[in-house]
C-alpha atoms as a PDB file:
ATOM      1  CA  UNK A   1       8.439  64.365 -66.765  1.00  0.00           C
ATOM      2  CA  UNK A   2       8.742  60.638 -66.232  1.00  0.00           C
ATOM      3  CA  UNK A   3      12.243  59.197 -65.835  1.00  0.00           C
ATOM      4  CA  UNK A   4      12.778  55.867 -67.635  1.00  0.00           C
ATOM      5  CA  UNK A   5      15.279  53.327 -66.349  1.00  0.00           C
ATOM      6  CA  UNK A   6      16.136  50.324 -68.590  1.00  0.00           C
ATOM      7  CA  UNK A   7      12.659  50.271 -70.111  1.00  0.00           C
ATOM      8  CA  UNK A   8      10.699  50.799 -66.843  1.00  0.00           C
ATOM      9  CA  UNK A   9       9.164  53.984 -65.431  1.00  0.00           C
ATOM     10  CA  UNK A  10      10.530  55.271 -62.153  1.00  0.00           C
ATOM     11  CA  UNK A  11       7.461  54.047 -60.285  1.00  0.00           C
ATOM     12  CA  UNK A  12       7.607  50.651 -61.936  1.00  0.00           C
ATOM     13  CA  UNK A  13      11.282  50.316 -61.131  1.00  0.00           C
ATOM     14  CA  UNK A  14      10.651  51.000 -57.439  1.00  0.00           C
ATOM     15  CA  UNK A  15       7.879  48.444 -57.518  1.00  0.00           C
ATOM     16  CA  UNK A  16      10.233  45.865 -58.984  1.00  0.00           C
ATOM     17  CA  UNK A  17      12.782  46.606 -56.289  1.00  0.00           C
ATOM     18  CA  UNK A  18      10.257  45.706 -53.640  1.00  0.00           C
ATOM     19  CA  UNK A  19       9.496  42.308 -55.180  1.00  0.00           C
ATOM     20  CA  UNK A  20      10.627  39.421 -52.999  1.00  0.00           C
ATOM     21  CA  UNK A  21      11.526  36.224 -54.809  1.00  0.00           C
ATOM     22  CA  UNK A  22       8.574  33.851 -54.472  1.00  0.00           C
ATOM     23  CA  UNK A  23       8.825  30.788 -52.252  1.00  0.00           C
ATOM     24  CA  UNK A  24       8.849  28.496 -55.291  1.00  0.00           C
ATOM     25  CA  UNK A  25      11.964  30.279 -56.566  1.00  0.00           C
ATOM     26  CA  UNK A  26      13.751  29.847 -53.263  1.00  0.00           C
ATOM     27  CA  UNK A  27      12.811  26.169 -53.186  1.00  0.00           C
ATOM     28  CA  UNK A  28      14.039  25.690 -56.734  1.00  0.00           C
ATOM     29  CA  UNK A  29      17.339  27.349 -55.892  1.00  0.00           C
ATOM     30  CA  UNK A  30      17.813  25.017 -52.932  1.00  0.00           C
ATOM     31  CA  UNK A  31      16.992  22.025 -55.103  1.00  0.00           C
ATOM     32  CA  UNK A  32      19.460  23.135 -57.745  1.00  0.00           C
ATOM     33  CA  UNK A  33      22.222  23.610 -55.177  1.00  0.00           C
ATOM     34  CA  UNK A  34      21.543  20.046 -54.039  1.00  0.00           C
ATOM     35  CA  UNK A  35      21.743  18.981 -57.684  1.00  0.00           C
ATOM     36  CA  UNK A  36      25.100  20.714 -57.943  1.00  0.00           C
ATOM     37  CA  UNK A  37      26.402  18.668 -55.059  1.00  0.00           C
ATOM     38  CA  UNK A  38      25.118  15.481 -56.677  1.00  0.00           C
ATOM     39  CA  UNK A  39      26.737  16.380 -59.978  1.00  0.00           C
ATOM     40  CA  UNK A  40      30.007  17.176 -58.241  1.00  0.00           C
ATOM     41  CA  UNK A  41      30.082  13.735 -56.672  1.00  0.00           C
ATOM     42  CA  UNK A  42      28.697  11.936 -59.741  1.00  0.00           C
ATOM     43  CA  UNK A  43      30.606   8.760 -60.320  1.00  0.00           C
ATOM     44  CA  UNK A  44      31.168   6.245 -63.093  1.00  0.00           C
ATOM     45  CA  UNK A  45      31.906   2.620 -62.334  1.00  0.00           C
ATOM     46  CA  UNK A  46      35.282   1.146 -63.227  1.00  0.00           C
ATOM     47  CA  UNK A  47      35.140  -2.635 -63.317  1.00  0.00           C
ATOM     48  CA  UNK A  48      37.782  -5.071 -62.143  1.00  0.00           C
ATOM     49  CA  UNK A  49      37.975  -8.844 -62.222  1.00  0.00           C
ATOM     50  CA  UNK A  50      40.163 -10.704 -59.728  1.00  0.00           C
ATOM     51  CA  UNK A  51      41.164 -14.294 -60.514  1.00  0.00           C
ATOM     52  CA  UNK A  52      42.921 -16.160 -57.698  1.00  0.00           C
ATOM     53  CA  UNK A  53      44.806 -19.371 -58.444  1.00  0.00           C
ATOM     54  CA  UNK A  54      44.282 -21.535 -55.378  1.00  0.00           C
ATOM     55  CA  UNK A  55      43.616 -25.048 -56.710  1.00  0.00           C
ATOM     56  CA  UNK A  56      46.217 -27.643 -57.655  1.00  0.00           C
ATOM     57  CA  UNK A  57      45.023 -29.959 -60.422  1.00  0.00           C
ATOM     58  CA  UNK A  58      48.071 -31.747 -61.851  1.00  0.00           C
ATOM     59  CA  UNK A  59      51.457 -32.662 -60.382  1.00  0.00           C
ATOM     60  CA  UNK A  60      52.532 -31.290 -57.011  1.00  0.00           C
ATOM     61  CA  UNK A  61      51.102 -27.913 -56.011  1.00  0.00           C
ATOM     62  CA  UNK A  62      53.121 -25.174 -54.248  1.00  0.00           C
ATOM     63  CA  UNK A  63      54.097 -25.943 -50.680  1.00  0.00           C
ATOM     64  CA  UNK A  64      52.375 -23.076 -48.889  1.00  0.00           C
ATOM     65  CA  UNK A  65      49.012 -23.822 -47.287  1.00  0.00           C
ATOM     66  CA  UNK A  66      48.114 -20.150 -47.678  1.00  0.00           C
ATOM     67  CA  UNK A  67      46.422 -19.220 -50.931  1.00  0.00           C
ATOM     68  CA  UNK A  68      46.105 -17.788 -53.491  1.00  0.00           C
ATOM     69  CA  UNK A  69      49.485 -18.869 -54.793  1.00  0.00           C
ATOM     70  CA  UNK A  70      49.053 -16.477 -57.706  1.00  0.00           C
ATOM     71  CA  UNK A  71      46.658 -13.618 -58.404  1.00  0.00           C
ATOM     72  CA  UNK A  72      45.519 -12.214 -61.749  1.00  0.00           C
ATOM     73  CA  UNK A  73      43.802  -8.824 -61.623  1.00  0.00           C
ATOM     74  CA  UNK A  74      42.119  -7.133 -64.605  1.00  0.00           C
ATOM     75  CA  UNK A  75      41.168  -3.465 -64.265  1.00  0.00           C
ATOM     76  CA  UNK A  76      39.451  -1.121 -66.714  1.00  0.00           C
ATOM     77  CA  UNK A  77      41.737   1.902 -66.850  1.00  0.00           C
ATOM     78  CA  UNK A  78      40.196   3.730 -69.820  1.00  0.00           C
ATOM     79  CA  UNK A  79      37.807   2.891 -72.654  1.00  0.00           C
ATOM     80  CA  UNK A  80      38.984  -0.324 -74.347  1.00  0.00           C
ATOM     81  CA  UNK A  81      42.101  -0.584 -72.180  1.00  0.00           C
ATOM     82  CA  UNK A  82      42.529  -3.191 -69.450  1.00  0.00           C
ATOM     83  CA  UNK A  83      45.433  -3.316 -67.027  1.00  0.00           C
ATOM     84  CA  UNK A  84      46.613  -6.830 -66.187  1.00  0.00           C
ATOM     85  CA  UNK A  85      48.513  -7.220 -62.909  1.00  0.00           C
ATOM     86  CA  UNK A  86      49.971 -10.631 -62.066  1.00  0.00           C
ATOM     87  CA  UNK A  87      51.430 -11.401 -58.653  1.00  0.00           C
ATOM     88  CA  UNK A  88      52.592 -14.459 -56.755  1.00  0.00           C
ATOM     89  CA  UNK A  89      51.771 -13.644 -53.121  1.00  0.00           C
ATOM     90  CA  UNK A  90      52.162 -17.163 -51.732  1.00  0.00           C
ATOM     91  CA  UNK A  91      54.697 -18.990 -53.845  1.00  0.00           C
ATOM     92  CA  UNK A  92      57.572 -20.125 -51.659  1.00  0.00           C
ATOM     93  CA  UNK A  93      61.090 -19.635 -53.008  1.00  0.00           C
ATOM     94  CA  UNK A  94      62.554 -21.186 -55.064  1.00  0.00           C
ATOM     95  CA  UNK A  95      59.146 -22.010 -56.639  1.00  0.00           C
ATOM     96  CA  UNK A  96      58.643 -20.119 -59.890  1.00  0.00           C
ATOM     97  CA  UNK A  97      55.918 -19.578 -62.446  1.00  0.00           C
ATOM     98  CA  UNK A  98      56.966 -20.495 -65.967  1.00  0.00           C
ATOM     99  CA  UNK A  99      53.651 -20.219 -67.810  1.00  0.00           C
ATOM    100  CA  UNK A 100      50.373 -18.443 -67.145  1.00  0.00           C
ATOM    101  CA  UNK A 101      47.237 -19.405 -69.095  1.00  0.00           C
ATOM    102  CA  UNK A 102      44.339 -16.990 -69.528  1.00  0.00           C
ATOM    103  CA  UNK A 103      40.948 -17.012 -71.243  1.00  0.00           C
ATOM    104  CA  UNK A 104      39.177 -14.535 -73.473  1.00  0.00           C
ATOM    105  CA  UNK A 105      35.645 -13.937 -74.677  1.00  0.00           C
ATOM    106  CA  UNK A 106      35.036 -16.514 -77.434  1.00  0.00           C
ATOM    107  CA  UNK A 107      32.793 -14.101 -79.332  1.00  0.00           C
ATOM    108  CA  UNK A 108      35.766 -11.768 -79.861  1.00  0.00           C
ATOM    109  CA  UNK A 109      39.098 -12.062 -81.655  1.00  0.00           C
ATOM    110  CA  UNK A 110      41.905 -13.004 -79.278  1.00  0.00           C
ATOM    111  CA  UNK A 111      44.563 -12.398 -81.941  1.00  0.00           C
ATOM    112  CA  UNK A 112      43.439  -8.754 -82.030  1.00  0.00           C
ATOM    113  CA  UNK A 113      44.778  -8.220 -78.487  1.00  0.00           C
ATOM    114  CA  UNK A 114      47.994  -6.323 -77.825  1.00  0.00           C
ATOM    115  CA  UNK A 115      49.870  -6.818 -74.539  1.00  0.00           C
ATOM    116  CA  UNK A 116      52.084  -3.843 -73.734  1.00  0.00           C
ATOM    117  CA  UNK A 117      54.381  -4.450 -70.752  1.00  0.00           C
ATOM    118  CA  UNK A 118      54.517  -1.667 -68.164  1.00  0.00           C
ATOM    119  CA  UNK A 119      58.097  -2.402 -67.152  1.00  0.00           C
ATOM    120  CA  UNK A 120      58.217   0.468 -64.656  1.00  0.00           C
ATOM    121  CA  UNK A 121      55.775  -1.523 -62.499  1.00  0.00           C
ATOM    122  CA  UNK A 122      57.502  -4.904 -62.771  1.00  0.00           C
ATOM    123  CA  UNK A 123      59.112  -6.138 -59.587  1.00  0.00           C
ATOM    124  CA  UNK A 124      61.642  -8.943 -59.170  1.00  0.00           C
ATOM    125  CA  UNK A 125      61.208 -10.351 -62.694  1.00  0.00           C
ATOM    126  CA  UNK A 126      63.471 -10.029 -65.714  1.00  0.00           C
ATOM    127  CA  UNK A 127      61.877  -7.987 -68.496  1.00  0.00           C
ATOM    128  CA  UNK A 128      61.855 -11.024 -70.780  1.00  0.00           C
ATOM    129  CA  UNK A 129      58.630 -12.821 -71.602  1.00  0.00           C
ATOM    130  CA  UNK A 130      56.851 -14.763 -74.321  1.00  0.00           C
ATOM    131  CA  UNK A 131      53.282 -14.426 -75.542  1.00  0.00           C
ATOM    132  CA  UNK A 132      51.043 -16.780 -77.500  1.00  0.00           C
ATOM    133  CA  UNK A 133      47.479 -16.052 -78.606  1.00  0.00           C
ATOM    134  CA  UNK A 134      45.409 -18.926 -80.000  1.00  0.00           C
ATOM    135  CA  UNK A 135      41.700 -19.421 -79.427  1.00  0.00           C
ATOM    136  CA  UNK A 136      40.943 -22.509 -77.298  1.00  0.00           C
ATOM    137  CA  UNK A 137      44.233 -24.086 -78.342  1.00  0.00           C
ATOM    138  CA  UNK A 138      46.715 -23.683 -75.469  1.00  0.00           C
ATOM    139  CA  UNK A 139      46.748 -26.810 -73.292  1.00  0.00           C
ATOM    140  CA  UNK A 140      47.468 -26.608 -69.564  1.00  0.00           C
ATOM    141  CA  UNK A 141      47.809 -30.328 -68.751  1.00  0.00           C
ATOM    142  CA  UNK A 142      44.432 -31.658 -67.549  1.00  0.00           C
ATOM    143  CA  UNK A 143      43.078 -28.158 -66.884  1.00  0.00           C
ATOM    144  CA  UNK A 144      41.735 -27.648 -70.379  1.00  0.00           C
ATOM    145  CA  UNK A 145      42.588 -25.361 -73.294  1.00  0.00           C
ATOM    146  CA  UNK A 146      43.100 -21.615 -73.072  1.00  0.00           C
ATOM    147  CA  UNK A 147      43.388 -18.599 -75.368  1.00  0.00           C
ATOM    148  CA  UNK A 148      46.444 -16.779 -73.987  1.00  0.00           C
ATOM    149  CA  UNK A 149      49.797 -18.016 -72.715  1.00  0.00           C
ATOM    150  CA  UNK A 150      52.391 -15.784 -71.069  1.00  0.00           C
ATOM    151  CA  UNK A 151      55.826 -17.282 -70.414  1.00  0.00           C
ATOM    152  CA  UNK A 152      58.569 -16.137 -68.050  1.00  0.00           C
ATOM    153  CA  UNK A 153      62.194 -17.150 -67.978  1.00  0.00           C
ATOM    154  CA  UNK A 154      63.436 -19.988 -65.815  1.00  0.00           C
ATOM    155  CA  UNK A 155      67.078 -18.861 -65.764  1.00  0.00           C
ATOM    156  CA  UNK A 156      68.649 -16.015 -63.824  1.00  0.00           C
ATOM    157  CA  UNK A 157      67.821 -17.172 -60.323  1.00  0.00           C
ATOM    158  CA  UNK A 158      65.500 -15.264 -58.018  1.00  0.00           C
ATOM    159  CA  UNK A 159      66.386 -11.928 -59.609  1.00  0.00           C
ATOM    160  CA  UNK A 160      65.090 -12.990 -63.012  1.00  0.00           C
ATOM    161  CA  UNK A 161      62.442 -15.628 -62.367  1.00  0.00           C
ATOM    162  CA  UNK A 162      58.803 -15.088 -61.441  1.00  0.00           C
ATOM    163  CA  UNK A 163      58.983 -16.073 -57.772  1.00  0.00           C
ATOM    164  CA  UNK A 164      56.971 -15.333 -54.649  1.00  0.00           C
ATOM    165  CA  UNK A 165      56.402 -11.622 -54.076  1.00  0.00           C
ATOM    166  CA  UNK A 166      57.130 -10.649 -57.696  1.00  0.00           C
ATOM    167  CA  UNK A 167      54.846  -8.675 -60.007  1.00  0.00           C
ATOM    168  CA  UNK A 168      54.348  -8.082 -63.722  1.00  0.00           C
ATOM    169  CA  UNK A 169      51.975  -5.596 -65.345  1.00  0.00           C
ATOM    170  CA  UNK A 170      50.599  -5.296 -68.875  1.00  0.00           C
ATOM    171  CA  UNK A 171      48.182  -2.905 -70.536  1.00  0.00           C
ATOM    172  CA  UNK A 172      45.893  -4.783 -72.902  1.00  0.00           C
ATOM    173  CA  UNK A 173      44.223  -3.153 -75.905  1.00  0.00           C
ATOM    174  CA  UNK A 174      42.399  -4.494 -78.924  1.00  0.00           C
ATOM    175  CA  UNK A 175      42.245  -3.739 -82.618  1.00  0.00           C
ATOM    176  CA  UNK A 176      38.880  -5.442 -82.894  1.00  0.00           C
ATOM    177  CA  UNK A 177      35.806  -3.991 -81.179  1.00  0.00           C
ATOM    178  CA  UNK A 178      35.402  -3.122 -77.513  1.00  0.00           C
ATOM    179  CA  UNK A 179      37.324  -4.423 -74.505  1.00  0.00           C
ATOM    180  CA  UNK A 180      36.676  -4.656 -70.761  1.00  0.00           C
ATOM    181  CA  UNK A 181      37.927  -6.673 -67.817  1.00  0.00           C
ATOM    182  CA  UNK A 182      34.858  -8.912 -68.056  1.00  0.00           C
ATOM    183  CA  UNK A 183      36.091 -10.199 -71.422  1.00  0.00           C
ATOM    184  CA  UNK A 184      38.645 -12.250 -69.484  1.00  0.00           C
ATOM    185  CA  UNK A 185      36.167 -13.788 -67.025  1.00  0.00           C
ATOM    186  CA  UNK A 186      35.650 -16.983 -69.001  1.00  0.00           C
ATOM    187  CA  UNK A 187      36.566 -20.603 -68.304  1.00  0.00           C
ATOM    188  CA  UNK A 188      38.808 -22.809 -70.391  1.00  0.00           C
ATOM    189  CA  UNK A 189      37.580 -25.566 -72.658  1.00  0.00           C
ATOM    190  CA  UNK A 190      37.292 -28.403 -70.086  1.00  0.00           C
ATOM    191  CA  UNK A 191      40.017 -30.981 -69.567  1.00  0.00           C
ATOM    192  CA  UNK A 192      40.076 -34.121 -67.435  1.00  0.00           C
ATOM    193  CA  UNK A 193      40.469 -32.001 -64.274  1.00  0.00           C
ATOM    194  CA  UNK A 194      37.742 -29.560 -65.287  1.00  0.00           C
ATOM    195  CA  UNK A 195      37.917 -25.974 -66.519  1.00  0.00           C
ATOM    196  CA  UNK A 196      39.413 -22.882 -64.897  1.00  0.00           C
ATOM    197  CA  UNK A 197      39.404 -19.121 -65.296  1.00  0.00           C
ATOM    198  CA  UNK A 198      43.209 -19.139 -65.336  1.00  0.00           C
ATOM    199  CA  UNK A 199      45.991 -21.648 -64.813  1.00  0.00           C
ATOM    200  CA  UNK A 200      49.744 -21.614 -64.236  1.00  0.00           C
ATOM    201  CA  UNK A 201      52.643 -24.045 -64.481  1.00  0.00           C
ATOM    202  CA  UNK A 202      54.787 -23.868 -61.346  1.00  0.00           C
ATOM    203  CA  UNK A 203      58.296 -25.313 -61.193  1.00  0.00           C
ATOM    204  CA  UNK A 204      60.376 -26.546 -58.237  1.00  0.00           C
ATOM    205  CA  UNK A 205      57.456 -27.597 -56.068  1.00  0.00           C
ATOM    206  CA  UNK A 206      57.380 -30.439 -53.546  1.00  0.00           C
ATOM    207  CA  UNK A 207      59.551 -31.022 -50.498  1.00  0.00           C
ATOM    208  CA  UNK A 208      62.612 -31.745 -52.628  1.00  0.00           C
ATOM    209  CA  UNK A 209      61.955 -28.722 -54.852  1.00  0.00           C
ATOM    210  CA  UNK A 210      62.325 -30.966 -57.889  1.00  0.00           C
ATOM    211  CA  UNK A 211      58.678 -31.437 -58.849  1.00  0.00           C
ATOM    212  CA  UNK A 212      56.316 -29.358 -60.943  1.00  0.00           C
ATOM    213  CA  UNK A 213      52.601 -28.700 -60.793  1.00  0.00           C
ATOM    214  CA  UNK A 214      49.680 -26.892 -62.337  1.00  0.00           C
ATOM    215  CA  UNK A 215      47.398 -24.581 -60.403  1.00  0.00           C
ATOM    216  CA  UNK A 216      44.086 -23.042 -61.424  1.00  0.00           C
ATOM    217  CA  UNK A 217      41.319 -20.626 -60.482  1.00  0.00           C
ATOM    218  CA  UNK A 218      37.839 -22.118 -60.087  1.00  0.00           C
ATOM    219  CA  UNK A 219      36.130 -18.773 -59.389  1.00  0.00           C
ATOM    220  CA  UNK A 220      36.593 -15.059 -59.842  1.00  0.00           C
ATOM    221  CA  UNK A 221      35.350 -11.949 -58.093  1.00  0.00           C
ATOM    222  CA  UNK A 222      34.293  -8.702 -59.732  1.00  0.00           C
ATOM    223  CA  UNK A 223      34.247  -5.240 -58.224  1.00  0.00           C
ATOM    224  CA  UNK A 224      32.883  -1.936 -59.495  1.00  0.00           C
ATOM    225  CA  UNK A 225      35.072   0.844 -58.165  1.00  0.00           C
ATOM    226  CA  UNK A 226      33.495   4.340 -58.243  1.00  0.00           C
ATOM    227  CA  UNK A 227      35.577   6.997 -59.959  1.00  0.00           C
ATOM    228  CA  UNK A 228      34.725  10.712 -59.917  1.00  0.00           C
ATOM    229  CA  UNK A 229      33.845  12.205 -63.261  1.00  0.00           C
ATOM    230  CA  UNK A 230      35.451  15.494 -64.234  1.00  0.00           C
ATOM    231  CA  UNK A 231      34.583  17.842 -61.382  1.00  0.00           C
ATOM    232  CA  UNK A 232      34.839  20.977 -63.505  1.00  0.00           C
ATOM    233  CA  UNK A 233      32.601  19.532 -66.216  1.00  0.00           C
ATOM    234  CA  UNK A 234      29.921  18.410 -63.778  1.00  0.00           C
ATOM    235  CA  UNK A 235      30.025  21.667 -61.827  1.00  0.00           C
ATOM    236  CA  UNK A 236      29.862  23.743 -65.001  1.00  0.00           C
ATOM    237  CA  UNK A 237      26.787  21.937 -66.273  1.00  0.00           C
ATOM    238  CA  UNK A 238      25.012  22.202 -62.942  1.00  0.00           C
ATOM    239  CA  UNK A 239      25.834  25.888 -62.485  1.00  0.00           C
ATOM    240  CA  UNK A 240      24.607  26.592 -66.007  1.00  0.00           C
ATOM    241  CA  UNK A 241      21.302  24.928 -65.173  1.00  0.00           C
ATOM    242  CA  UNK A 242      21.084  26.883 -61.921  1.00  0.00           C
ATOM    243  CA  UNK A 243      21.669  30.239 -63.630  1.00  0.00           C
ATOM    244  CA  UNK A 244      19.239  29.600 -66.473  1.00  0.00           C
ATOM    245  CA  UNK A 245      16.475  28.370 -64.181  1.00  0.00           C
ATOM    246  CA  UNK A 246      16.858  31.205 -61.652  1.00  0.00           C
ATOM    247  CA  UNK A 247      16.900  33.794 -64.424  1.00  0.00           C
ATOM    248  CA  UNK A 248      13.652  32.480 -65.835  1.00  0.00           C
ATOM    249  CA  UNK A 249      12.068  32.492 -62.362  1.00  0.00           C
ATOM    250  CA  UNK A 250      13.131  36.114 -61.737  1.00  0.00           C
ATOM    251  CA  UNK A 251      11.883  37.292 -65.139  1.00  0.00           C
ATOM    252  CA  UNK A 252       8.562  35.573 -64.447  1.00  0.00           C
ATOM    253  CA  UNK A 253       8.261  37.223 -61.029  1.00  0.00           C
ATOM    254  CA  UNK A 254       8.996  40.648 -62.456  1.00  0.00           C
ATOM    255  CA  UNK A 255       6.418  40.183 -65.170  1.00  0.00           C
ATOM    256  CA  UNK A 256       3.760  39.346 -62.582  1.00  0.00           C
ATOM    257  CA  UNK A 257       4.730  42.300 -60.386  1.00  0.00           C
ATOM    258  CA  UNK A 258       4.457  44.757 -63.258  1.00  0.00           C
ATOM    259  CA  UNK A 259       0.981  43.767 -64.367  1.00  0.00           C
END
């Protein structure tokens, strides 16, 4: 009497047990393990745009010879959300920034932007500010016209003003279309002094600390920062592909062995 095991005769089952996975199967398994490692380290680019205000174009500029006097950093933090970080690394006290002028993509609606302050990340500045959005309509002396103006208080001394070493942070979203950090990498409508990617009005400049001046950014730099995608998602997909492919290879090998 012939003993059957899971659809195979006893002799056939022993024959299957002696089958060694073919070389092509082993090679495929190695390739798929390598693919797993690639998937695990798969990365998506997060863009950032850094705008450094280092050029004086009207009035007296800040006293420090070290620039940038102010820095404006845009970072993509999630789809259609941009984090705006503003610092004043080389303003010299008691110099203070009263207004900051920014640009926006002219093909999009600037009035659809929402600036949400992240007060937990503010340093050295009173949580009081003003905001104006008006396409190509905000004049910064001879530095042209801008789309966005942020204002900071001039009272309160060093604890409330935007002075050297201080920081403010906003999260920017839009109610109209898509949004990325590159939407802010545009120059102003030109003025007599040219056009800039950003500008600021600085008070208490000059040796007597009684003058004012405008500063601007003539260039910007962009960086793509790699960010890991979900490790579990990538690993799951790759392992699924590994299992399915290996199973098909084994079934094919068994079919050949049993002929």
